[in-house]
Amino acid sequence: MKTLNRRHFLTGSSALLAAPAILRATRAYAQTPTIKVGHVSPRTGPLAGFAEADDYILQAIGERFGAGVENNGRAWQIEIISKDSQSNPNRAAEVASELILSDEVDIIVAASTPDTVNPVSDQAEINEVPCITTDCPWQPYFFGRGGNPAEGFLSTYHFFWGLEDVIGAFLAMWDGSGVAKSVGGLFPNDADGNAWGDPELGLPTPLAAAGYALTDPGRYQPMTDDFSNYINAFKEAGCEIVTGNMIPPDFGTFWNQAAQQGFNPKIVTIGKALLFPSVIEGLGERGIGLSSEVWWSPSHPFSSSLTGASAGDLAGGYMQTTGRPWTQPIGFKHALFEVVADVVARAEDLEDPEAIIAAIAATDMNTIVGPVNWANGPVPNVTKTPLVAGQWQREGDGVDLKIVANATAPEIPTTGELMLLS
């Protein structure tokens, strides 16, 4: 049986053929026509750190969009409808479906790991709704959704870095450290963990090529309460580096048990879990010296196409308004709506989803996270942003994420030097 998507449903019978015409007439004679943008992110649950800046960004973007965005000589209002995925892939798919079928959004955007990005993108692809996503390495986004590099997707587009970039950034940081090239891997049994630990697409092959021995005891279940087998394996292998991709609660469990069991690696570089200052502060002194990838920071030499604000300005405004430290997702949440505004301004016909998709595909712009141009690949529907590596270090009475290795993106300046864990 053929599955009917939203467009097929609206055009599948003569009784409904008038629906698009009515919508077109309503918009054509409205004083200020409106484009609806659906937004999905994990406001609650274990991934909530990724959405910490949502309120600040959405309020600021809403104010910026208040005057409308001009398209073909006419101002269009942009209405943003935001929904919480609750850090659950099933819930992410559910609210994406609601936004598409009930709220009838014209564009949908999402961010924050494959658990949010992939189910939202899948719903958009099924219903042929233009979709822009970020905050997820491109491999779990593309291959995790069954993407074919020879074909790509119809409606869904993504900008972020890839596993090759995070591996390059980590190696650039480790290579000059002088520690043994023995690495323990922590990869959960989820979309991110399976991608990072994949023998060909993930860390194992590139680490081996660079002369590092990886000890990978296998996938652990998220929210596990016992990492003893992993810790024992790392101790037996003499691992002086630990890496992987974890949610904050899992890393906290591992790191506490490592201390209890006398495992003291010299470098700990973990994706996802160590992105946020709140996590580091919660670890106390054992948070100082931990390291991670750095997608965005106040030191990044990029500015907003919407406001002209620099990365430092955006981070400073967030800190002044909220009283909280800056976090990496701030830049990418802002950039999502930079791309939306650019697409709305350029689309030939904002009442035609195919014209909006064509405008997304033709994007070539500079944002607060760097250039966004889907013609650059590396696969269809994906474009990459720069990545460096950083370490959490003491800064006055608090902590700050210092950029300690930038060989993978020299345009982003370093702000510190790597220090080994005691």
Foldseek 3Di string as FASTA:
>chain_A
DDDAAPVCVQVVDPVNVCVLVVVVVVQVPDQAAEAEEEEEEACADLQNLLCPCVVVLVVVVQVLQVVAFDAPRGGHGYHYDYDHCNLALVSLLVVLLCCCPPVVGQEYEYETECSNQQSNQVSCQRNVHAYEYEHYAVCLNAVVNVHDLVPGTRHFFYEAHHQVQQLVQVCLQPVPPPDALEEEEAAAPDSQRCQQPPCPRHDNPVSVVVPHHYDYPDHDHAPDQDPPVSLVSCVVRVHQEYEYEHRQVVVVNVLVVCVVVVNFHFAYEYPHNLQDQVSLVVVPPVSAQYKYKAQADQQQQFAAPSPRHASVRQQVVSCVVPVDHGTRSSQVVNVVVSLVSQLNHHQPDSSDSSSSSVSSQQDFDAHNRGTDHQVVDPGHSYDYTHMHMWGWHDDPPGIDTFGAGQPRPVSRDTDDHRGTDD
